[in-house]
Structure formats: structure tokens, C-alpha cells
Amino acid sequence: MTRVILFNKPYGVLSQFTDKGTEGSKRPTLSAYIDLPGVYPAGRLDRDSEGLLVLTDNGRLQARISDPRHKLEKTYLVQVEGEPDEAALAALRDGVDLKDGLTRPAKVQRIAPPSIWERDPPIRYRKSVPDCWLELTISEGRNRQVRRMTAHVGHPTLRLVRYHVGDWSLDGLEPGKWRDANHKIAP
């Protein structure tokens, strides 16, 4: 049976078990939170992103989760600068043309500020610039894709929290904590 671990990755943590950065680097990695042999991340979350990271001991499942060909949906809670109008949301829904090509259409809607943990460190607030929250679902995973998409429509991302990967979610999982998925998945 395949083992699947759900981890709520805190801000500033690398989505890998070792830091392959500059010599002497002391950036926090998954090894500070997860001491389980044989499990590896299925996909990545940037160091400045938070939320659900799925780990597994099954290479085929790992590929199925992270490979865009399988179109597994990932849902993000995104705090953006400004207040996107309907034209900006429609552009995200249609797909935006980034340097590496047109994105697949996203599902997006404005949401009330979610009841989630405070970020440490907090985002930088500017009194003169409003912000709002979006729920954004994509079915691919290009490098920094959500951030590039929101910036493309004129609303840079201030905070990015992945909440769902397929049917898995962060529900009840505090930052820095992990749990086994409630069910086993056959490869």
C-alpha cells in the first residue's frame, strides 16, 4: 500500500529535505518537520508560499500528482494587492499569456478573508493600497504560476496558501504539522 502524507508547509520552509543552496545556508527544510524515511514531495511549493504539500513513497503516484498532463486540480487562497475587477477575473478564467505560454483556464472567485493562521512574518500592508482574497484553482503547476498569473492581470500576490491538492485538503492541519492521509491509495 502507498503511504501519503499531508503537510502544512510554513512560510520560509524549502519543499525538500536538504538545502542545496549556498554553502553554509541554514534555510529550514522538510527534515525539520518530517522524520519519515522513503517519502518525497509530490510537487513543490515555493519557499515564500504556504500550505498543503503532499508527500508519498510511491514514485508513480508522485508523478501523477505533479505532472501537468494529469490535470490534477490545486486550489489556492491568494491575497492580492488591489481589488481585481471582473475583467481581471475573466482573464484568469480564460487563461493568461505568460512568457512560457498560455495558461490553462483557472477557476477563480473573490472570497472573504479566510479563517487561517497568521503568517510569520506578516505581509507588508500599505494603507493606500487595498487588498483582497481570491480562491484560485489551476490544473497545471508551472514555476511560480499563480504569482505570475495575478501579476499579469495587475494584482501582485501578497500571500499564497495552497489549500487543496485533488481531494486532499489542509482542513484541521496547523502549520508545521503533518498527518497520514485517511485512506490508502493503490498505485
N, C-alpha and C. Protein backbone atom coordinates (compact mmCIF):
# COMPACT_ATOMS: atom_id res chain seq x y z
N MET A 1 0.84 -1.18 0.00
CA MET A 1 0.00 0.00 0.00
C MET A 1 0.88 1.25 0.00
N THR A 2 0.37 2.26 -0.63
CA THR A 2 1.09 3.52 -0.77
C THR A 2 0.87 4.38 0.47
N ARG A 3 1.92 5.03 0.90
CA ARG A 3 1.80 5.97 2.02
C ARG A 3 1.70 7.39 1.46
N VAL A 4 0.72 8.15 1.97
CA VAL A 4 0.52 9.53 1.57
C VAL A 4 0.51 10.38 2.83
N ILE A 5 1.36 11.40 2.84
CA ILE A 5 1.48 12.32 3.97
C ILE A 5 1.01 13.70 3.52
N LEU A 6 0.19 14.33 4.34
CA LEU A 6 -0.25 15.70 4.09
C LEU A 6 0.47 16.60 5.09
N PHE A 7 1.15 17.61 4.58
CA PHE A 7 1.96 18.50 5.42
C PHE A 7 1.55 19.94 5.16
N ASN A 8 1.39 20.71 6.23
CA ASN A 8 1.09 22.14 6.11
C ASN A 8 2.43 22.88 6.18
N LYS A 9 2.98 23.19 5.01
CA LYS A 9 4.30 23.81 4.92
C LYS A 9 4.23 25.27 5.36
N PRO A 10 5.00 25.63 6.38
CA PRO A 10 5.04 27.04 6.80
C PRO A 10 5.80 27.91 5.79
N TYR A 11 5.54 29.19 5.88
CA TYR A 11 6.27 30.19 5.09
C TYR A 11 7.76 30.06 5.40
N GLY A 12 8.60 30.15 4.39
CA GLY A 12 10.05 30.14 4.57
C GLY A 12 10.70 28.78 4.56
N VAL A 13 9.92 27.71 4.49
CA VAL A 13 10.46 26.35 4.50
C VAL A 13 10.63 25.88 3.06
N LEU A 14 11.78 25.27 2.76
CA LEU A 14 12.01 24.70 1.43
C LEU A 14 11.24 23.39 1.28
N SER A 15 10.73 23.12 0.09
CA SER A 15 9.97 21.89 -0.18
C SER A 15 10.90 20.74 -0.54
N GLN A 16 11.92 20.55 0.26
CA GLN A 16 12.89 19.47 0.06
C GLN A 16 13.50 19.14 1.42
N PHE A 17 14.17 18.00 1.50
CA PHE A 17 14.71 17.56 2.78
C PHE A 17 16.10 18.09 3.08
N THR A 18 16.81 18.58 2.07
CA THR A 18 18.13 19.16 2.30
C THR A 18 18.20 20.50 1.58
N ASP A 19 19.04 21.38 2.07
CA ASP A 19 19.23 22.70 1.45
C ASP A 19 20.44 22.61 0.54
N LYS A 20 20.19 22.69 -0.75
CA LYS A 20 21.27 22.61 -1.73
C LYS A 20 21.68 24.01 -2.19
N GLY A 21 21.37 25.00 -1.39
CA GLY A 21 21.72 26.38 -1.72
C GLY A 21 23.18 26.66 -1.47
N THR A 22 23.48 27.91 -1.18
CA THR A 22 24.87 28.30 -0.97
C THR A 22 25.44 27.60 0.25
N GLU A 23 26.74 27.38 0.22
CA GLU A 23 27.41 26.70 1.31
C GLU A 23 27.20 27.46 2.61
N GLY A 24 26.89 26.73 3.66
CA GLY A 24 26.64 27.35 4.96
C GLY A 24 25.22 27.86 5.13
N SER A 25 24.37 27.65 4.13
CA SER A 25 22.98 28.10 4.19
C SER A 25 22.25 27.35 5.30
N LYS A 26 21.42 28.04 6.01
CA LYS A 26 20.69 27.44 7.13
C LYS A 26 19.18 27.59 6.94
N ARG A 27 18.71 27.54 5.69
CA ARG A 27 17.28 27.66 5.44
C ARG A 27 16.57 26.41 5.94
N PRO A 28 15.39 26.57 6.57
CA PRO A 28 14.67 25.39 7.06
C PRO A 28 14.15 24.53 5.90
N THR A 29 14.17 23.22 6.12
CA THR A 29 13.73 22.25 5.13
C THR A 29 12.69 21.33 5.75
N LEU A 30 12.16 20.43 4.95
CA LEU A 30 11.17 19.46 5.43
C LEU A 30 11.72 18.60 6.56
N SER A 31 13.03 18.36 6.57
CA SER A 31 13.63 17.49 7.59
C SER A 31 13.45 18.04 9.01
N ALA A 32 13.19 19.33 9.14
CA ALA A 32 12.94 19.90 10.47
C ALA A 32 11.55 19.54 10.99
N TYR A 33 10.68 19.01 10.10
CA TYR A 33 9.29 18.73 10.47
C TYR A 33 8.89 17.28 10.28
N ILE A 34 9.51 16.60 9.33
CA ILE A 34 9.08 15.25 8.96
C ILE A 34 10.29 14.31 9.04
N ASP A 35 10.19 13.31 9.90
CA ASP A 35 11.26 12.32 10.05
C ASP A 35 10.71 10.95 9.65
N LEU A 36 10.42 10.82 8.37
CA LEU A 36 9.89 9.56 7.84
C LEU A 36 10.75 9.14 6.65
N PRO A 37 11.37 7.99 6.73
CA PRO A 37 12.20 7.55 5.60
C PRO A 37 11.32 7.17 4.41
N GLY A 38 11.82 7.49 3.21
CA GLY A 38 11.20 6.99 2.00
C GLY A 38 10.05 7.79 1.42
N VAL A 39 9.67 8.91 2.05
CA VAL A 39 8.61 9.74 1.45
C VAL A 39 9.25 10.99 0.84
N TYR A 40 8.67 11.41 -0.29
CA TYR A 40 9.21 12.55 -1.02
C TYR A 40 8.07 13.44 -1.48
N PRO A 41 8.33 14.75 -1.62
CA PRO A 41 7.27 15.66 -2.06
C PRO A 41 6.79 15.35 -3.48
N ALA A 42 5.48 15.42 -3.65
CA ALA A 42 4.86 15.28 -4.97
C ALA A 42 4.55 16.70 -5.43
N GLY A 43 5.50 17.32 -6.08
CA GLY A 43 5.37 18.72 -6.47
C GLY A 43 6.09 19.59 -5.45
N ARG A 44 5.99 20.89 -5.67
CA ARG A 44 6.71 21.84 -4.82
C ARG A 44 5.80 23.01 -4.46
N LEU A 45 6.19 23.66 -3.40
CA LEU A 45 5.65 24.96 -3.03
C LEU A 45 6.86 25.86 -2.83
N ASP A 46 6.83 27.03 -3.40
CA ASP A 46 7.95 27.96 -3.23
C ASP A 46 8.18 28.25 -1.76
N ARG A 47 9.38 28.66 -1.44
CA ARG A 47 9.74 28.98 -0.06
C ARG A 47 8.81 30.05 0.52
N ASP A 48 8.37 31.00 -0.30
CA ASP A 48 7.52 32.07 0.20
C ASP A 48 6.02 31.77 0.06
N SER A 49 5.69 30.51 -0.22
CA SER A 49 4.30 30.06 -0.25
C SER A 49 4.08 29.12 0.92
N GLU A 50 2.82 28.97 1.29
CA GLU A 50 2.45 28.16 2.45
C GLU A 50 1.43 27.11 2.03
N GLY A 51 1.19 26.17 2.92
CA GLY A 51 0.06 25.29 2.73
C GLY A 51 0.38 23.86 2.40
N LEU A 52 -0.59 23.22 1.74
CA LEU A 52 -0.59 21.78 1.55
C LEU A 52 0.51 21.30 0.62
N LEU A 53 1.33 20.41 1.17
CA LEU A 53 2.34 19.71 0.40
C LEU A 53 2.06 18.22 0.61
N VAL A 54 1.90 17.49 -0.49
CA VAL A 54 1.64 16.06 -0.43
C VAL A 54 2.97 15.33 -0.62
N LEU A 55 3.23 14.37 0.26
CA LEU A 55 4.43 13.54 0.15
C LEU A 55 3.99 12.09 0.03
N THR A 56 4.76 11.30 -0.69
CA THR A 56 4.41 9.89 -0.85
C THR A 56 5.67 9.04 -1.02
N ASP A 57 5.51 7.75 -0.81
CA ASP A 57 6.61 6.81 -1.03
C ASP A 57 6.47 6.09 -2.37
N ASN A 58 5.50 6.53 -3.19
CA ASN A 58 5.21 5.88 -4.45
C ASN A 58 5.57 6.80 -5.61
N GLY A 59 6.59 6.44 -6.37
CA GLY A 59 7.06 7.28 -7.48
C GLY A 59 6.01 7.52 -8.55
N ARG A 60 5.20 6.50 -8.86
CA ARG A 60 4.16 6.67 -9.88
C ARG A 60 3.10 7.66 -9.41
N LEU A 61 2.71 7.56 -8.15
CA LEU A 61 1.73 8.50 -7.61
C LEU A 61 2.33 9.90 -7.54
N GLN A 62 3.57 9.98 -7.15
CA GLN A 62 4.28 11.26 -7.10
C GLN A 62 4.22 11.95 -8.47
N ALA A 63 4.48 11.20 -9.53
CA ALA A 63 4.44 11.74 -10.89
C ALA A 63 3.02 12.13 -11.28
N ARG A 64 2.05 11.31 -10.91
CA ARG A 64 0.65 11.60 -11.26
C ARG A 64 0.17 12.88 -10.59
N ILE A 65 0.62 13.14 -9.37
CA ILE A 65 0.22 14.35 -8.66
C ILE A 65 0.88 15.58 -9.27
N SER A 66 2.14 15.48 -9.61
CA SER A 66 2.89 16.68 -10.02
C SER A 66 2.92 16.93 -11.52
N ASP A 67 2.67 15.94 -12.33
CA ASP A 67 2.75 16.13 -13.79
C ASP A 67 1.50 16.83 -14.32
N PRO A 68 1.66 17.98 -15.00
CA PRO A 68 0.50 18.72 -15.51
C PRO A 68 -0.36 17.94 -16.50
N ARG A 69 0.19 16.90 -17.13
CA ARG A 69 -0.60 16.11 -18.08
C ARG A 69 -1.81 15.46 -17.42
N HIS A 70 -1.72 15.22 -16.11
CA HIS A 70 -2.81 14.55 -15.40
C HIS A 70 -3.88 15.52 -14.93
N LYS A 71 -3.62 16.82 -15.04
CA LYS A 71 -4.60 17.88 -14.77
C LYS A 71 -5.22 17.79 -13.38
N LEU A 72 -4.43 17.37 -12.39
CA LEU A 72 -4.91 17.33 -11.02
C LEU A 72 -5.08 18.77 -10.52
N GLU A 73 -6.27 19.09 -10.05
CA GLU A 73 -6.53 20.46 -9.62
C GLU A 73 -5.88 20.77 -8.27
N LYS A 74 -5.37 21.99 -8.19
CA LYS A 74 -4.78 22.51 -6.95
C LYS A 74 -5.45 23.86 -6.68
N THR A 75 -5.95 24.02 -5.45
CA THR A 75 -6.68 25.23 -5.09
C THR A 75 -5.87 26.04 -4.10
N TYR A 76 -5.80 27.33 -4.38
CA TYR A 76 -5.02 28.26 -3.58
C TYR A 76 -5.90 29.36 -3.02
N LEU A 77 -5.58 29.80 -1.81
CA LEU A 77 -6.14 31.02 -1.24
C LEU A 77 -5.08 32.08 -1.49
N VAL A 78 -5.45 33.13 -2.21
CA VAL A 78 -4.47 34.10 -2.69
C VAL A 78 -4.87 35.50 -2.24
N GLN A 79 -4.03 36.12 -1.45
CA GLN A 79 -4.23 37.51 -1.08
C GLN A 79 -3.49 38.36 -2.10
N VAL A 80 -4.23 39.23 -2.78
CA VAL A 80 -3.63 40.04 -3.83
C VAL A 80 -3.71 41.52 -3.50
N GLU A 81 -2.80 42.25 -4.10
CA GLU A 81 -2.79 43.70 -3.96
C GLU A 81 -3.89 44.27 -4.87
N GLY A 82 -4.66 45.20 -4.33
CA GLY A 82 -5.74 45.79 -5.10
C GLY A 82 -7.00 44.94 -5.06
N GLU A 83 -7.98 45.37 -5.82
CA GLU A 83 -9.26 44.66 -5.88
C GLU A 83 -9.58 44.35 -7.34
N PRO A 84 -9.30 43.13 -7.78
CA PRO A 84 -9.50 42.77 -9.18
C PRO A 84 -10.95 42.99 -9.62
N ASP A 85 -11.11 43.60 -10.79
CA ASP A 85 -12.45 43.78 -11.33
C ASP A 85 -12.82 42.53 -12.13
N GLU A 86 -14.02 42.52 -12.69
CA GLU A 86 -14.50 41.35 -13.42
C GLU A 86 -13.63 41.04 -14.64
N ALA A 87 -13.07 42.07 -15.27
CA ALA A 87 -12.21 41.85 -16.44
C ALA A 87 -10.94 41.08 -16.03
N ALA A 88 -10.36 41.42 -14.89
CA ALA A 88 -9.16 40.72 -14.42
C ALA A 88 -9.50 39.26 -14.09
N LEU A 89 -10.62 39.04 -13.41
CA LEU A 89 -11.03 37.67 -13.08
C LEU A 89 -11.33 36.87 -14.35
N ALA A 90 -11.98 37.52 -15.33
CA ALA A 90 -12.29 36.85 -16.60
C ALA A 90 -11.00 36.45 -17.32
N ALA A 91 -9.98 37.30 -17.26
CA ALA A 91 -8.70 36.96 -17.90
C ALA A 91 -8.10 35.72 -17.26
N LEU A 92 -8.17 35.61 -15.94
CA LEU A 92 -7.65 34.42 -15.26
C LEU A 92 -8.46 33.18 -15.66
N ARG A 93 -9.78 33.36 -15.77
CA ARG A 93 -10.65 32.24 -16.16
C ARG A 93 -10.40 31.78 -17.59
N ASP A 94 -9.98 32.70 -18.45
CA ASP A 94 -9.72 32.37 -19.85
C ASP A 94 -8.33 31.80 -20.07
N GLY A 95 -7.41 32.08 -19.15
CA GLY A 95 -6.01 31.72 -19.31
C GLY A 95 -5.24 32.96 -19.71
N VAL A 96 -4.08 33.15 -19.12
CA VAL A 96 -3.28 34.33 -19.42
C VAL A 96 -2.01 33.91 -20.15
N ASP A 97 -1.51 34.81 -20.99
CA ASP A 97 -0.33 34.51 -21.79
C ASP A 97 0.92 34.95 -21.04
N LEU A 98 1.62 33.98 -20.46
CA LEU A 98 2.86 34.23 -19.74
C LEU A 98 4.04 34.00 -20.68
N LYS A 99 5.23 34.31 -20.23
CA LYS A 99 6.42 34.13 -21.07
C LYS A 99 6.58 32.70 -21.55
N ASP A 100 6.11 31.72 -20.75
CA ASP A 100 6.24 30.32 -21.15
C ASP A 100 4.95 29.78 -21.77
N GLY A 101 4.08 30.67 -22.24
CA GLY A 101 2.88 30.26 -22.95
C GLY A 101 1.59 30.53 -22.20
N LEU A 102 0.50 30.23 -22.88
CA LEU A 102 -0.84 30.44 -22.34
C LEU A 102 -1.14 29.44 -21.23
N THR A 103 -1.65 29.93 -20.11
CA THR A 103 -2.03 29.02 -19.02
C THR A 103 -3.37 28.38 -19.35
N ARG A 104 -3.62 27.24 -18.74
CA ARG A 104 -4.96 26.65 -18.84
C ARG A 104 -5.92 27.58 -18.10
N PRO A 105 -7.18 27.56 -18.48
CA PRO A 105 -8.16 28.38 -17.75
C PRO A 105 -8.18 28.00 -16.27
N ALA A 106 -8.32 29.01 -15.44
CA ALA A 106 -8.39 28.81 -13.98
C ALA A 106 -9.82 29.02 -13.52
N LYS A 107 -10.14 28.41 -12.39
CA LYS A 107 -11.38 28.73 -11.69
C LYS A 107 -11.00 29.78 -10.66
N VAL A 108 -11.72 30.88 -10.62
CA VAL A 108 -11.36 31.94 -9.68
C VAL A 108 -12.60 32.67 -9.20
N GLN A 109 -12.59 33.01 -7.93
CA GLN A 109 -13.65 33.83 -7.35
C GLN A 109 -13.10 34.62 -6.19
N ARG A 110 -13.70 35.78 -5.94
CA ARG A 110 -13.37 36.55 -4.75
C ARG A 110 -13.96 35.83 -3.55
N ILE A 111 -13.24 35.88 -2.43
CA ILE A 111 -13.74 35.28 -1.19
C ILE A 111 -13.50 36.25 -0.04
N ALA A 112 -14.22 36.05 1.04
CA ALA A 112 -13.96 36.80 2.27
C ALA A 112 -12.61 36.35 2.81
N PRO A 113 -11.95 37.21 3.60
CA PRO A 113 -10.68 36.77 4.20
C PRO A 113 -10.87 35.43 4.92
N PRO A 114 -10.07 34.42 4.58
CA PRO A 114 -10.26 33.10 5.18
C PRO A 114 -9.82 33.06 6.64
N SER A 115 -10.39 32.12 7.36
CA SER A 115 -10.02 31.91 8.77
C SER A 115 -8.83 30.97 8.81
N ILE A 116 -7.65 31.54 8.59
CA ILE A 116 -6.43 30.74 8.63
C ILE A 116 -5.45 31.41 9.59
N TRP A 117 -4.35 30.75 9.84
CA TRP A 117 -3.32 31.21 10.75
C TRP A 117 -2.70 32.52 10.26
N GLU A 118 -2.11 33.25 11.18
CA GLU A 118 -1.35 34.45 10.82
C GLU A 118 -0.02 34.02 10.23
N ARG A 119 0.44 34.75 9.26
CA ARG A 119 1.73 34.42 8.67
C ARG A 119 2.84 35.05 9.49
N ASP A 120 3.96 34.33 9.61
CA ASP A 120 5.13 34.83 10.31
C ASP A 120 6.31 34.77 9.35
N PRO A 121 6.80 35.91 8.87
CA PRO A 121 6.40 37.27 9.22
C PRO A 121 5.13 37.67 8.46
N PRO A 122 4.41 38.67 8.99
CA PRO A 122 3.19 39.10 8.31
C PRO A 122 3.52 39.78 6.98
N ILE A 123 2.51 39.84 6.10
CA ILE A 123 2.72 40.53 4.84
C ILE A 123 2.85 42.02 5.12
N ARG A 124 3.41 42.74 4.17
CA ARG A 124 3.56 44.19 4.30
C ARG A 124 2.26 44.84 3.87
N TYR A 125 1.64 45.56 4.81
CA TYR A 125 0.40 46.28 4.49
C TYR A 125 0.72 47.70 4.09
N ARG A 126 -0.04 48.20 3.13
CA ARG A 126 0.08 49.60 2.73
C ARG A 126 -1.29 50.24 2.87
N LYS A 127 -1.36 51.28 3.68
CA LYS A 127 -2.64 51.94 3.96
C LYS A 127 -3.31 52.44 2.69
N SER A 128 -2.52 52.86 1.71
CA SER A 128 -3.07 53.47 0.50
C SER A 128 -3.48 52.45 -0.57
N VAL A 129 -3.14 51.17 -0.38
CA VAL A 129 -3.46 50.15 -1.38
C VAL A 129 -4.30 49.05 -0.74
N PRO A 130 -5.54 48.88 -1.20
CA PRO A 130 -6.38 47.82 -0.63
C PRO A 130 -5.87 46.45 -1.08
N ASP A 131 -6.38 45.41 -0.46
CA ASP A 131 -6.08 44.05 -0.90
C ASP A 131 -7.36 43.24 -0.79
N CYS A 132 -7.35 42.08 -1.40
CA CYS A 132 -8.49 41.18 -1.26
C CYS A 132 -8.01 39.74 -1.44
N TRP A 133 -8.90 38.80 -1.16
CA TRP A 133 -8.59 37.38 -1.26
C TRP A 133 -9.33 36.76 -2.43
N LEU A 134 -8.65 35.84 -3.10
CA LEU A 134 -9.23 35.06 -4.18
C LEU A 134 -9.06 33.58 -3.85
N GLU A 135 -9.98 32.77 -4.35
CA GLU A 135 -9.80 31.33 -4.37
C GLU A 135 -9.53 31.00 -5.83
N LEU A 136 -8.36 30.42 -6.10
CA LEU A 136 -7.92 30.18 -7.47
C LEU A 136 -7.55 28.72 -7.62
N THR A 137 -8.13 28.05 -8.61
CA THR A 137 -7.85 26.64 -8.87
C THR A 137 -7.24 26.50 -10.24
N ILE A 138 -6.09 25.81 -10.29
CA ILE A 138 -5.40 25.56 -11.56
C ILE A 138 -5.19 24.06 -11.71
N SER A 139 -4.91 23.64 -12.95
CA SER A 139 -4.69 22.21 -13.20
C SER A 139 -3.33 21.96 -13.84
N GLU A 140 -2.42 22.87 -13.61
CA GLU A 140 -1.03 22.69 -14.04
C GLU A 140 -0.17 23.27 -12.92
N GLY A 141 1.11 23.23 -13.05
CA GLY A 141 1.95 23.70 -11.96
C GLY A 141 3.26 24.27 -12.44
N ARG A 142 3.20 25.30 -13.24
CA ARG A 142 4.43 25.93 -13.71
C ARG A 142 5.11 26.67 -12.56
N ASN A 143 6.37 26.96 -12.75
CA ASN A 143 7.14 27.68 -11.74
C ASN A 143 6.47 29.02 -11.40
N ARG A 144 6.13 29.21 -10.14
CA ARG A 144 5.53 30.45 -9.62
C ARG A 144 4.31 30.90 -10.43
N GLN A 145 3.56 29.93 -10.91
CA GLN A 145 2.46 30.20 -11.85
C GLN A 145 1.40 31.12 -11.28
N VAL A 146 0.88 30.85 -10.10
CA VAL A 146 -0.19 31.67 -9.56
C VAL A 146 0.29 33.11 -9.38
N ARG A 147 1.48 33.28 -8.85
CA ARG A 147 2.03 34.63 -8.67
C ARG A 147 2.17 35.36 -10.01
N ARG A 148 2.63 34.65 -11.02
CA ARG A 148 2.79 35.28 -12.33
C ARG A 148 1.44 35.60 -12.96
N MET A 149 0.44 34.74 -12.74
CA MET A 149 -0.89 34.99 -13.29
C MET A 149 -1.53 36.23 -12.67
N THR A 150 -1.48 36.34 -11.34
CA THR A 150 -2.11 37.50 -10.71
C THR A 150 -1.37 38.79 -11.05
N ALA A 151 -0.05 38.71 -11.15
CA ALA A 151 0.72 39.90 -11.54
C ALA A 151 0.37 40.31 -12.97
N HIS A 152 0.17 39.33 -13.84
CA HIS A 152 -0.15 39.60 -15.24
C HIS A 152 -1.45 40.41 -15.38
N VAL A 153 -2.40 40.17 -14.49
CA VAL A 153 -3.67 40.91 -14.56
C VAL A 153 -3.64 42.15 -13.65
N GLY A 154 -2.45 42.52 -13.16
CA GLY A 154 -2.29 43.77 -12.42
C GLY A 154 -2.51 43.70 -10.92
N HIS A 155 -2.49 42.48 -10.36
CA HIS A 155 -2.73 42.32 -8.92
C HIS A 155 -1.71 41.36 -8.32
N PRO A 156 -0.53 41.88 -7.96
CA PRO A 156 0.52 41.02 -7.41
C PRO A 156 0.05 40.25 -6.17
N THR A 157 0.55 39.04 -6.05
CA THR A 157 0.24 38.19 -4.90
C THR A 157 1.01 38.67 -3.67
N LEU A 158 0.29 38.82 -2.57
CA LEU A 158 0.90 39.18 -1.29
C LEU A 158 1.11 37.94 -0.42
N ARG A 159 0.15 37.02 -0.49
CA ARG A 159 0.22 35.79 0.30
C ARG A 159 -0.42 34.67 -0.51
N LEU A 160 0.21 33.49 -0.47
CA LEU A 160 -0.26 32.36 -1.26
C LEU A 160 -0.29 31.11 -0.38
N VAL A 161 -1.48 30.54 -0.24
CA VAL A 161 -1.68 29.36 0.59
C VAL A 161 -2.35 28.28 -0.26
N ARG A 162 -1.66 27.16 -0.49
CA ARG A 162 -2.31 26.05 -1.21
C ARG A 162 -3.18 25.31 -0.21
N TYR A 163 -4.47 25.18 -0.54
CA TYR A 163 -5.42 24.58 0.40
C TYR A 163 -5.85 23.17 -0.01
N HIS A 164 -5.93 22.92 -1.32
CA HIS A 164 -6.34 21.60 -1.81
C HIS A 164 -5.37 21.12 -2.89
N VAL A 165 -5.12 19.82 -2.89
CA VAL A 165 -4.46 19.13 -3.99
C VAL A 165 -5.39 17.95 -4.29
N GLY A 166 -6.08 18.01 -5.43
CA GLY A 166 -7.09 16.98 -5.72
C GLY A 166 -8.11 16.97 -4.60
N ASP A 167 -8.36 15.80 -4.02
CA ASP A 167 -9.34 15.67 -2.92
C ASP A 167 -8.73 15.90 -1.54
N TRP A 168 -7.42 16.05 -1.46
CA TRP A 168 -6.78 16.28 -0.17
C TRP A 168 -6.86 17.75 0.20
N SER A 169 -7.02 18.02 1.50
CA SER A 169 -7.08 19.42 1.93
C SER A 169 -6.34 19.62 3.25
N LEU A 170 -6.16 20.91 3.56
CA LEU A 170 -5.50 21.31 4.81
C LEU A 170 -6.42 21.28 6.02
N ASP A 171 -7.68 21.00 5.82
CA ASP A 171 -8.64 21.08 6.93
C ASP A 171 -8.08 20.47 8.21
N GLY A 172 -8.05 21.29 9.27
CA GLY A 172 -7.62 20.83 10.59
C GLY A 172 -6.13 20.63 10.76
N LEU A 173 -5.32 21.03 9.80
CA LEU A 173 -3.88 20.80 9.87
C LEU A 173 -3.15 22.12 10.08
N GLU A 174 -2.54 22.28 11.23
CA GLU A 174 -1.85 23.51 11.59
C GLU A 174 -0.50 23.61 10.87
N PRO A 175 0.02 24.81 10.69
CA PRO A 175 1.33 24.97 10.04
C PRO A 175 2.42 24.18 10.76
N GLY A 176 3.26 23.51 9.97
CA GLY A 176 4.36 22.73 10.53
C GLY A 176 3.96 21.34 10.97
N LYS A 177 2.69 20.98 10.82
CA LYS A 177 2.19 19.66 11.23
C LYS A 177 1.89 18.81 10.01
N TRP A 178 1.93 17.49 10.19
CA TRP A 178 1.60 16.56 9.11
C TRP A 178 0.74 15.45 9.66
N ARG A 179 0.08 14.75 8.73
CA ARG A 179 -0.71 13.56 9.09
C ARG A 179 -0.73 12.62 7.90
N ASP A 180 -0.96 11.34 8.20
CA ASP A 180 -1.19 10.37 7.14
C ASP A 180 -2.55 10.69 6.53
N ALA A 181 -2.65 10.56 5.21
CA ALA A 181 -3.97 10.69 4.58
C ALA A 181 -4.84 9.58 5.16
N ASN A 182 -6.12 9.85 5.32
CA ASN A 182 -7.02 8.91 5.98
C ASN A 182 -7.25 7.61 5.24
N HIS A 183 -6.85 7.58 3.99
CA HIS A 183 -7.07 6.36 3.22
C HIS A 183 -5.80 5.99 2.47
N LYS A 184 -5.70 4.72 2.21
CA LYS A 184 -4.56 4.23 1.43
C LYS A 184 -4.96 4.25 -0.04
N ILE A 185 -3.99 4.50 -0.89
CA ILE A 185 -4.24 4.59 -2.33
C ILE A 185 -3.42 3.53 -3.01
N ALA A 186 -4.05 2.74 -3.80
CA ALA A 186 -3.32 1.74 -4.58
C ALA A 186 -2.63 2.45 -5.73
N PRO A 187 -1.39 2.10 -6.03
CA PRO A 187 -0.68 2.78 -7.13
C PRO A 187 -1.31 2.56 -8.48
